[in-house]
Amino acid sequence: MRTDAKQHIHFAVNFIVAPTQPVVSSAFINFQSALGKPERGLCFDQAIRNDDGTAVQLIRGKSPLQVAITQVGPGVSQLSIVAERPSRLLDDFIDDAESVCEAFFEAWPGEKTVVARTGALRSLYPLAAGAGGHAFQFLWERRLHQADNAIKVFERPILGGGIRLVFPPVSDDGAGFEVKIESYLQDPKQLFVESTAVWRKPLAAGELPDPRMILQEIQQFADGPVEQFIVMES
């Protein structure tokens, strides 16, 4: 696996916030105005709002960015910030995510509690020369040290597969991690790696979420132990 040729294909942070109200039209307009302030400069190509205010979405095509607010329960909403196939660096996405969080709490003032936080990074890694032609074969034989004939019991070709690892938090206020390491179905010569983290302890009332901390902690985990585990020979 070539760690030097890694390609990020997904950045995301999500926040569960309470108490909140359905997003009325005027509040949605205030949110867009707060995003577009000179110090933030976030403009979007599409703005979509459900008639009942239970879900709104902003979409930017160039330098991909999607922002969604979804009512997930009575008085509880989820703020999602996602970049699919990002054209910029992770630090650029973090800057945008921080601006979105600031605008969200500016457009809907009042003391709120961030009940839970999640983040995710997805990346593709090409196989190194001599690692075989299929990423699942690399995982099965080189990382898991399994015999090729062990999977012949299925009596059919395997399109792909991988490993899933789940780690609980190591402290009361820490994150639980989940890692998926799989052959990439769209291109089996590449390895798909997803690292996600969940913080379930609520922040103090009125404390703003910190996308930078979330994504940097996930990045350190993905670039450190996760990559080390994949390339480990024994």
C-alpha atoms as a PDB file:
ATOM      1  CA  MET A   1       0.000   0.000   0.000  1.00  0.00           C
ATOM      2  CA  ARG A   2       1.375   3.387  -1.013  1.00  0.00           C
ATOM      3  CA  THR A   3       0.804   5.814   1.851  1.00  0.00           C
ATOM      4  CA  ASP A   4       2.577   8.523  -0.148  1.00  0.00           C
ATOM      5  CA  ALA A   5      -0.156   8.426  -2.815  1.00  0.00           C
ATOM      6  CA  LYS A   6      -3.158   8.653  -0.489  1.00  0.00           C
ATOM      7  CA  GLN A   7      -6.214  10.457  -1.852  1.00  0.00           C
ATOM      8  CA  HIS A   8      -8.884  11.848   0.486  1.00  0.00           C
ATOM      9  CA  ILE A   9     -12.397  11.296  -0.864  1.00  0.00           C
ATOM     10  CA  HIS A  10     -14.610  12.332   2.073  1.00  0.00           C
ATOM     11  CA  PHE A  11     -14.489  14.743   5.017  1.00  0.00           C
ATOM     12  CA  ALA A  12     -17.391  15.050   7.476  1.00  0.00           C
ATOM     13  CA  VAL A  13     -18.393  16.338  10.894  1.00  0.00           C
ATOM     14  CA  ASN A  14     -21.816  16.038  12.511  1.00  0.00           C
ATOM     15  CA  PHE A  15     -23.264  17.586  15.647  1.00  0.00           C
ATOM     16  CA  ILE A  16     -26.439  16.726  17.558  1.00  0.00           C
ATOM     17  CA  VAL A  17     -27.749  19.937  19.117  1.00  0.00           C
ATOM     18  CA  ALA A  18     -30.598  20.666  21.563  1.00  0.00           C
ATOM     19  CA  PRO A  19     -32.879  22.440  22.096  1.00  0.00           C
ATOM     20  CA  THR A  20     -33.763  23.516  18.565  1.00  0.00           C
ATOM     21  CA  GLN A  21     -36.864  24.484  16.614  1.00  0.00           C
ATOM     22  CA  PRO A  22     -38.029  23.712  13.066  1.00  0.00           C
ATOM     23  CA  VAL A  23     -36.119  25.856  10.571  1.00  0.00           C
ATOM     24  CA  VAL A  24     -38.586  28.518   9.470  1.00  0.00           C
ATOM     25  CA  SER A  25     -37.902  30.400   6.254  1.00  0.00           C
ATOM     26  CA  SER A  26     -36.657  33.567   7.976  1.00  0.00           C
ATOM     27  CA  ALA A  27     -34.176  31.623  10.133  1.00  0.00           C
ATOM     28  CA  PHE A  28     -32.852  29.801   7.065  1.00  0.00           C
ATOM     29  CA  ILE A  29     -32.295  33.147   5.333  1.00  0.00           C
ATOM     30  CA  ASN A  30     -30.495  34.467   8.442  1.00  0.00           C
ATOM     31  CA  PHE A  31     -28.277  31.352   8.391  1.00  0.00           C
ATOM     32  CA  GLN A  32     -27.319  31.919   4.768  1.00  0.00           C
ATOM     33  CA  SER A  33     -26.600  35.581   5.507  1.00  0.00           C
ATOM     34  CA  ALA A  34     -24.396  34.620   8.456  1.00  0.00           C
ATOM     35  CA  LEU A  35     -22.485  32.163   6.245  1.00  0.00           C
ATOM     36  CA  GLY A  36     -21.906  34.835   3.585  1.00  0.00           C
ATOM     37  CA  LYS A  37     -20.454  37.468   5.921  1.00  0.00           C
ATOM     38  CA  PRO A  38     -17.064  38.777   4.718  1.00  0.00           C
ATOM     39  CA  GLU A  39     -15.162  37.034   7.501  1.00  0.00           C
ATOM     40  CA  ARG A  40     -16.648  33.696   6.346  1.00  0.00           C
ATOM     41  CA  GLY A  41     -17.433  34.165   2.680  1.00  0.00           C
ATOM     42  CA  LEU A  42     -19.358  30.910   2.267  1.00  0.00           C
ATOM     43  CA  CYS A  43     -21.732  30.953  -0.714  1.00  0.00           C
ATOM     44  CA  PHE A  44     -23.736  28.032  -2.069  1.00  0.00           C
ATOM     45  CA  ASP A  45     -25.248  27.096  -5.424  1.00  0.00           C
ATOM     46  CA  GLN A  46     -28.391  25.427  -4.046  1.00  0.00           C
ATOM     47  CA  ALA A  47     -30.582  26.019  -1.011  1.00  0.00           C
ATOM     48  CA  ILE A  48     -33.271  23.436  -0.236  1.00  0.00           C
ATOM     49  CA  ARG A  49     -35.805  23.556   2.599  1.00  0.00           C
ATOM     50  CA  ASN A  50     -38.628  21.151   3.428  1.00  0.00           C
ATOM     51  CA  ASP A  51     -42.021  22.795   3.761  1.00  0.00           C
ATOM     52  CA  ASP A  52     -42.293  21.722   7.403  1.00  0.00           C
ATOM     53  CA  GLY A  53     -38.797  22.988   8.277  1.00  0.00           C
ATOM     54  CA  THR A  54     -37.550  19.584   9.430  1.00  0.00           C
ATOM     55  CA  ALA A  55     -34.659  19.525   6.940  1.00  0.00           C
ATOM     56  CA  VAL A  56     -32.644  22.117   5.049  1.00  0.00           C
ATOM     57  CA  GLN A  57     -29.618  21.715   2.825  1.00  0.00           C
ATOM     58  CA  LEU A  58     -27.028  23.967   1.229  1.00  0.00           C
ATOM     59  CA  ILE A  59     -24.888  22.644  -1.636  1.00  0.00           C
ATOM     60  CA  ARG A  60     -21.746  24.100  -3.176  1.00  0.00           C
ATOM     61  CA  GLY A  61     -20.508  22.487  -6.379  1.00  0.00           C
ATOM     62  CA  LYS A  62     -17.087  24.071  -6.806  1.00  0.00           C
ATOM     63  CA  SER A  63     -14.845  23.136  -3.864  1.00  0.00           C
ATOM     64  CA  PRO A  64     -17.571  20.642  -2.857  1.00  0.00           C
ATOM     65  CA  LEU A  65     -19.350  21.357   0.417  1.00  0.00           C
ATOM     66  CA  GLN A  66     -22.749  20.289   1.740  1.00  0.00           C
ATOM     67  CA  VAL A  67     -24.378  21.647   4.883  1.00  0.00           C
ATOM     68  CA  ALA A  68     -27.566  20.079   6.233  1.00  0.00           C
ATOM     69  CA  ILE A  69     -29.733  20.715   9.276  1.00  0.00           C
ATOM     70  CA  THR A  70     -32.138  17.879  10.034  1.00  0.00           C
ATOM     71  CA  GLN A  71     -34.631  17.568  12.874  1.00  0.00           C
ATOM     72  CA  VAL A  72     -33.952  14.132  14.400  1.00  0.00           C
ATOM     73  CA  GLY A  73     -36.326  14.351  17.355  1.00  0.00           C
ATOM     74  CA  PRO A  74     -38.493  16.768  19.332  1.00  0.00           C
ATOM     75  CA  GLY A  75     -36.310  19.816  19.906  1.00  0.00           C
ATOM     76  CA  VAL A  76     -33.200  18.008  18.631  1.00  0.00           C
ATOM     77  CA  SER A  77     -31.380  18.687  15.346  1.00  0.00           C
ATOM     78  CA  GLN A  78     -28.322  17.400  13.531  1.00  0.00           C
ATOM     79  CA  LEU A  79     -25.900  19.778  11.840  1.00  0.00           C
ATOM     80  CA  SER A  80     -23.937  17.941   9.136  1.00  0.00           C
ATOM     81  CA  ILE A  81     -20.987  19.367   7.212  1.00  0.00           C
ATOM     82  CA  VAL A  82     -19.624  17.177   4.415  1.00  0.00           C
ATOM     83  CA  ALA A  83     -17.206  17.409   1.499  1.00  0.00           C
ATOM     84  CA  GLU A  84     -17.488  14.569  -1.031  1.00  0.00           C
ATOM     85  CA  ARG A  85     -14.533  14.212  -3.366  1.00  0.00           C
ATOM     86  CA  PRO A  86     -12.941  17.338  -1.855  1.00  0.00           C
ATOM     87  CA  SER A  87     -10.835  19.440  -4.161  1.00  0.00           C
ATOM     88  CA  ARG A  88      -8.989  21.136  -1.300  1.00  0.00           C
ATOM     89  CA  LEU A  89      -6.972  20.139   1.767  1.00  0.00           C
ATOM     90  CA  LEU A  90      -8.390  18.961   5.074  1.00  0.00           C
ATOM     91  CA  ASP A  91      -7.352  22.251   6.708  1.00  0.00           C
ATOM     92  CA  ASP A  92      -9.492  24.122   4.174  1.00  0.00           C
ATOM     93  CA  PHE A  93     -12.492  21.953   5.048  1.00  0.00           C
ATOM     94  CA  ILE A  94     -11.860  22.544   8.745  1.00  0.00           C
ATOM     95  CA  ASP A  95     -11.880  26.321   8.162  1.00  0.00           C
ATOM     96  CA  ASP A  96     -15.238  25.994   6.363  1.00  0.00           C
ATOM     97  CA  ALA A  97     -16.651  23.756   9.092  1.00  0.00           C
ATOM     98  CA  GLU A  98     -15.665  26.229  11.792  1.00  0.00           C
ATOM     99  CA  SER A  99     -17.396  29.019   9.861  1.00  0.00           C
ATOM    100  CA  VAL A 100     -20.546  26.928   9.456  1.00  0.00           C
ATOM    101  CA  CYS A 101     -20.683  26.212  13.202  1.00  0.00           C
ATOM    102  CA  GLU A 102     -20.229  29.894  14.036  1.00  0.00           C
ATOM    103  CA  ALA A 103     -22.992  30.869  11.589  1.00  0.00           C
ATOM    104  CA  PHE A 104     -25.331  28.185  12.946  1.00  0.00           C
ATOM    105  CA  PHE A 105     -25.103  29.443  16.522  1.00  0.00           C
ATOM    106  CA  GLU A 106     -25.331  33.047  15.305  1.00  0.00           C
ATOM    107  CA  ALA A 107     -28.496  32.429  13.269  1.00  0.00           C
ATOM    108  CA  TRP A 108     -30.172  30.526  16.120  1.00  0.00           C
ATOM    109  CA  PRO A 109     -29.109  32.373  19.281  1.00  0.00           C
ATOM    110  CA  GLY A 110     -29.803  31.104  22.753  1.00  0.00           C
ATOM    111  CA  GLU A 111     -28.077  28.578  24.962  1.00  0.00           C
ATOM    112  CA  LYS A 112     -27.808  25.184  23.317  1.00  0.00           C
ATOM    113  CA  THR A 113     -26.048  21.935  24.155  1.00  0.00           C
ATOM    114  CA  VAL A 114     -24.021  19.885  21.702  1.00  0.00           C
ATOM    115  CA  VAL A 115     -25.219  16.440  22.757  1.00  0.00           C
ATOM    116  CA  ALA A 116     -22.934  14.335  20.528  1.00  0.00           C
ATOM    117  CA  ARG A 117     -20.191  14.823  17.927  1.00  0.00           C
ATOM    118  CA  THR A 118     -18.952  12.631  15.107  1.00  0.00           C
ATOM    119  CA  GLY A 119     -16.410  12.936  12.346  1.00  0.00           C
ATOM    120  CA  ALA A 120     -15.152  10.849   9.443  1.00  0.00           C
ATOM    121  CA  LEU A 121     -12.282  10.662   6.970  1.00  0.00           C
ATOM    122  CA  ARG A 122     -12.289   8.381   3.930  1.00  0.00           C
ATOM    123  CA  SER A 123      -9.219   7.789   1.805  1.00  0.00           C
ATOM    124  CA  LEU A 124      -8.002   5.678  -1.092  1.00  0.00           C
ATOM    125  CA  TYR A 125      -4.571   4.081  -1.269  1.00  0.00           C
ATOM    126  CA  PRO A 126      -3.137   2.504  -4.431  1.00  0.00           C
ATOM    127  CA  LEU A 127      -1.361  -0.809  -4.010  1.00  0.00           C
ATOM    128  CA  ALA A 128       2.418  -0.793  -4.096  1.00  0.00           C
ATOM    129  CA  ALA A 129       4.231  -2.552  -6.910  1.00  0.00           C
ATOM    130  CA  GLY A 130       4.374  -6.280  -6.226  1.00  0.00           C
ATOM    131  CA  ALA A 131       1.450  -6.189  -3.778  1.00  0.00           C
ATOM    132  CA  GLY A 132      -0.852  -8.104  -6.129  1.00  0.00           C
ATOM    133  CA  GLY A 133      -3.555  -6.917  -8.460  1.00  0.00           C
ATOM    134  CA  HIS A 134      -6.490  -6.848  -6.004  1.00  0.00           C
ATOM    135  CA  ALA A 135      -6.701  -4.967  -2.728  1.00  0.00           C
ATOM    136  CA  PHE A 136      -8.657  -7.752  -1.051  1.00  0.00           C
ATOM    137  CA  GLN A 137      -5.952 -10.238  -2.004  1.00  0.00           C
ATOM    138  CA  PHE A 138      -3.434  -7.886  -0.405  1.00  0.00           C
ATOM    139  CA  LEU A 139      -5.469  -7.777   2.817  1.00  0.00           C
ATOM    140  CA  TRP A 140      -6.231 -11.502   2.841  1.00  0.00           C
ATOM    141  CA  GLU A 141      -2.778 -12.833   2.085  1.00  0.00           C
ATOM    142  CA  ARG A 142      -0.323 -10.101   3.068  1.00  0.00           C
ATOM    143  CA  ARG A 143      -2.024  -8.578   6.120  1.00  0.00           C
ATOM    144  CA  LEU A 144      -4.159 -11.440   7.479  1.00  0.00           C
ATOM    145  CA  HIS A 145      -1.745 -14.194   6.311  1.00  0.00           C
ATOM    146  CA  GLN A 146      -4.558 -16.384   5.006  1.00  0.00           C
ATOM    147  CA  ALA A 147      -4.222 -19.005   2.278  1.00  0.00           C
ATOM    148  CA  ASP A 148      -5.773 -18.171  -1.062  1.00  0.00           C
ATOM    149  CA  ASN A 149      -7.656 -21.492  -1.171  1.00  0.00           C
ATOM    150  CA  ALA A 150      -9.376 -20.789   2.183  1.00  0.00           C
ATOM    151  CA  ILE A 151     -12.078 -18.736   0.493  1.00  0.00           C
ATOM    152  CA  LYS A 152     -12.730 -21.246  -2.262  1.00  0.00           C
ATOM    153  CA  VAL A 153     -15.356 -22.824  -0.002  1.00  0.00           C
ATOM    154  CA  PHE A 154     -17.778 -20.184  -1.301  1.00  0.00           C
ATOM    155  CA  GLU A 155     -17.430 -21.606  -4.818  1.00  0.00           C
ATOM    156  CA  ARG A 156     -17.758 -18.199  -6.434  1.00  0.00           C
ATOM    157  CA  PRO A 157     -15.473 -15.266  -7.166  1.00  0.00           C
ATOM    158  CA  ILE A 158     -15.145 -12.555  -4.525  1.00  0.00           C
ATOM    159  CA  LEU A 159     -15.806  -8.999  -5.641  1.00  0.00           C
ATOM    160  CA  GLY A 160     -14.260  -7.462  -2.549  1.00  0.00           C
ATOM    161  CA  GLY A 161     -13.968  -7.537   1.207  1.00  0.00           C
ATOM    162  CA  GLY A 162     -12.186  -6.078   4.154  1.00  0.00           C
ATOM    163  CA  ILE A 163     -11.714  -5.611   7.877  1.00  0.00           C
ATOM    164  CA  ARG A 164     -13.830  -3.726  10.402  1.00  0.00           C
ATOM    165  CA  LEU A 165     -12.372  -2.681  13.760  1.00  0.00           C
ATOM    166  CA  VAL A 166     -14.303  -0.998  16.595  1.00  0.00           C
ATOM    167  CA  PHE A 167     -12.567   0.684  19.533  1.00  0.00           C
ATOM    168  CA  PRO A 168     -14.381   1.945  22.659  1.00  0.00           C
ATOM    169  CA  PRO A 169     -13.462   5.262  24.274  1.00  0.00           C
ATOM    170  CA  VAL A 170     -10.449   5.106  26.581  1.00  0.00           C
ATOM    171  CA  SER A 171     -11.841   7.860  28.837  1.00  0.00           C
ATOM    172  CA  ASP A 172     -15.261   9.228  29.800  1.00  0.00           C
ATOM    173  CA  ASP A 173     -14.892  12.256  27.539  1.00  0.00           C
ATOM    174  CA  GLY A 174     -12.911  10.519  24.793  1.00  0.00           C
ATOM    175  CA  ALA A 175     -13.984   9.215  21.409  1.00  0.00           C
ATOM    176  CA  GLY A 176     -14.858   5.746  20.261  1.00  0.00           C
ATOM    177  CA  PHE A 177     -13.328   4.870  16.892  1.00  0.00           C
ATOM    178  CA  GLU A 178     -14.387   2.630  14.038  1.00  0.00           C
ATOM    179  CA  VAL A 179     -12.131   1.707  11.126  1.00  0.00           C
ATOM    180  CA  LYS A 180     -13.044   0.013   7.846  1.00  0.00           C
ATOM    181  CA  ILE A 181     -10.274  -1.259   5.596  1.00  0.00           C
ATOM    182  CA  GLU A 182     -11.651  -2.668   2.367  1.00  0.00           C
ATOM    183  CA  SER A 183     -10.960  -3.236  -1.276  1.00  0.00           C
ATOM    184  CA  TYR A 184     -12.496  -0.361  -3.238  1.00  0.00           C
ATOM    185  CA  LEU A 185     -15.288  -1.896  -5.306  1.00  0.00           C
ATOM    186  CA  GLN A 186     -15.086   0.740  -8.066  1.00  0.00           C
ATOM    187  CA  ASP A 187     -11.360   0.057  -8.511  1.00  0.00           C
ATOM    188  CA  PRO A 188     -10.078  -3.119  -6.802  1.00  0.00           C
ATOM    189  CA  LYS A 189      -6.458  -1.999  -7.224  1.00  0.00           C
ATOM    190  CA  GLN A 190      -7.093   0.584  -4.511  1.00  0.00           C
ATOM    191  CA  LEU A 191      -7.654   0.195  -0.789  1.00  0.00           C
ATOM    192  CA  PHE A 192     -10.562   2.090   0.809  1.00  0.00           C
ATOM    193  CA  VAL A 193     -10.004   3.207   4.409  1.00  0.00           C
ATOM    194  CA  GLU A 194     -12.642   4.919   6.540  1.00  0.00           C
ATOM    195  CA  SER A 195     -11.897   6.221  10.028  1.00  0.00           C
ATOM    196  CA  THR A 196     -14.781   7.551  12.123  1.00  0.00           C
ATOM    197  CA  ALA A 197     -15.012   8.782  15.692  1.00  0.00           C
ATOM    198  CA  VAL A 198     -17.922   9.450  18.043  1.00  0.00           C
ATOM    199  CA  TRP A 199     -17.930  11.598  21.180  1.00  0.00           C
ATOM    200  CA  ARG A 200     -21.070  10.795  23.171  1.00  0.00           C
ATOM    201  CA  LYS A 201     -20.447  12.984  26.218  1.00  0.00           C
ATOM    202  CA  PRO A 202     -22.317  16.293  25.800  1.00  0.00           C
ATOM    203  CA  LEU A 203     -20.405  19.548  25.824  1.00  0.00           C
ATOM    204  CA  ALA A 204     -21.157  22.093  28.513  1.00  0.00           C
ATOM    205  CA  ALA A 205     -24.277  24.154  27.792  1.00  0.00           C
ATOM    206  CA  GLY A 206     -23.371  27.038  25.497  1.00  0.00           C
ATOM    207  CA  GLU A 207     -19.994  25.586  24.468  1.00  0.00           C
ATOM    208  CA  LEU A 208     -19.388  25.739  20.720  1.00  0.00           C
ATOM    209  CA  PRO A 209     -18.347  22.584  18.834  1.00  0.00           C
ATOM    210  CA  ASP A 210     -14.746  22.287  17.677  1.00  0.00           C
ATOM    211  CA  PRO A 211     -14.467  20.715  14.195  1.00  0.00           C
ATOM    212  CA  ARG A 212     -10.687  21.213  14.185  1.00  0.00           C
ATOM    213  CA  MET A 213     -10.145  19.078  17.281  1.00  0.00           C
ATOM    214  CA  ILE A 214     -12.438  16.356  15.937  1.00  0.00           C
ATOM    215  CA  LEU A 215     -10.864  16.074  12.505  1.00  0.00           C
ATOM    216  CA  GLN A 216      -7.279  16.445  13.684  1.00  0.00           C
ATOM    217  CA  GLU A 217      -7.767  13.653  16.216  1.00  0.00           C
ATOM    218  CA  ILE A 218      -9.232  11.403  13.524  1.00  0.00           C
ATOM    219  CA  GLN A 219      -6.425  12.316  11.124  1.00  0.00           C
ATOM    220  CA  GLN A 220      -3.788  11.439  13.720  1.00  0.00           C
ATOM    221  CA  PHE A 221      -5.446   8.075  14.291  1.00  0.00           C
ATOM    222  CA  ALA A 222      -5.806   7.377  10.558  1.00  0.00           C
ATOM    223  CA  ASP A 223      -2.284   8.468   9.625  1.00  0.00           C
ATOM    224  CA  GLY A 224      -0.738   6.732  12.627  1.00  0.00           C
ATOM    225  CA  PRO A 225      -2.089   3.457  14.031  1.00  0.00           C
ATOM    226  CA  VAL A 226      -4.407   2.699  11.097  1.00  0.00           C
ATOM    227  CA  GLU A 227      -1.711   2.992   8.430  1.00  0.00           C
ATOM    228  CA  GLN A 228       0.775   1.158  10.646  1.00  0.00           C
ATOM    229  CA  PHE A 229      -1.672  -1.703  11.053  1.00  0.00           C
ATOM    230  CA  ILE A 230      -2.242  -2.024   7.301  1.00  0.00           C
ATOM    231  CA  VAL A 231       1.406  -2.108   6.273  1.00  0.00           C
ATOM    232  CA  MET A 232       2.550  -4.266   9.191  1.00  0.00           C
ATOM    233  CA  GLU A 233       4.139  -7.456   7.919  1.00  0.00           C
ATOM    234  CA  SER A 234       3.815  -9.667  10.997  1.00  0.00           C
END
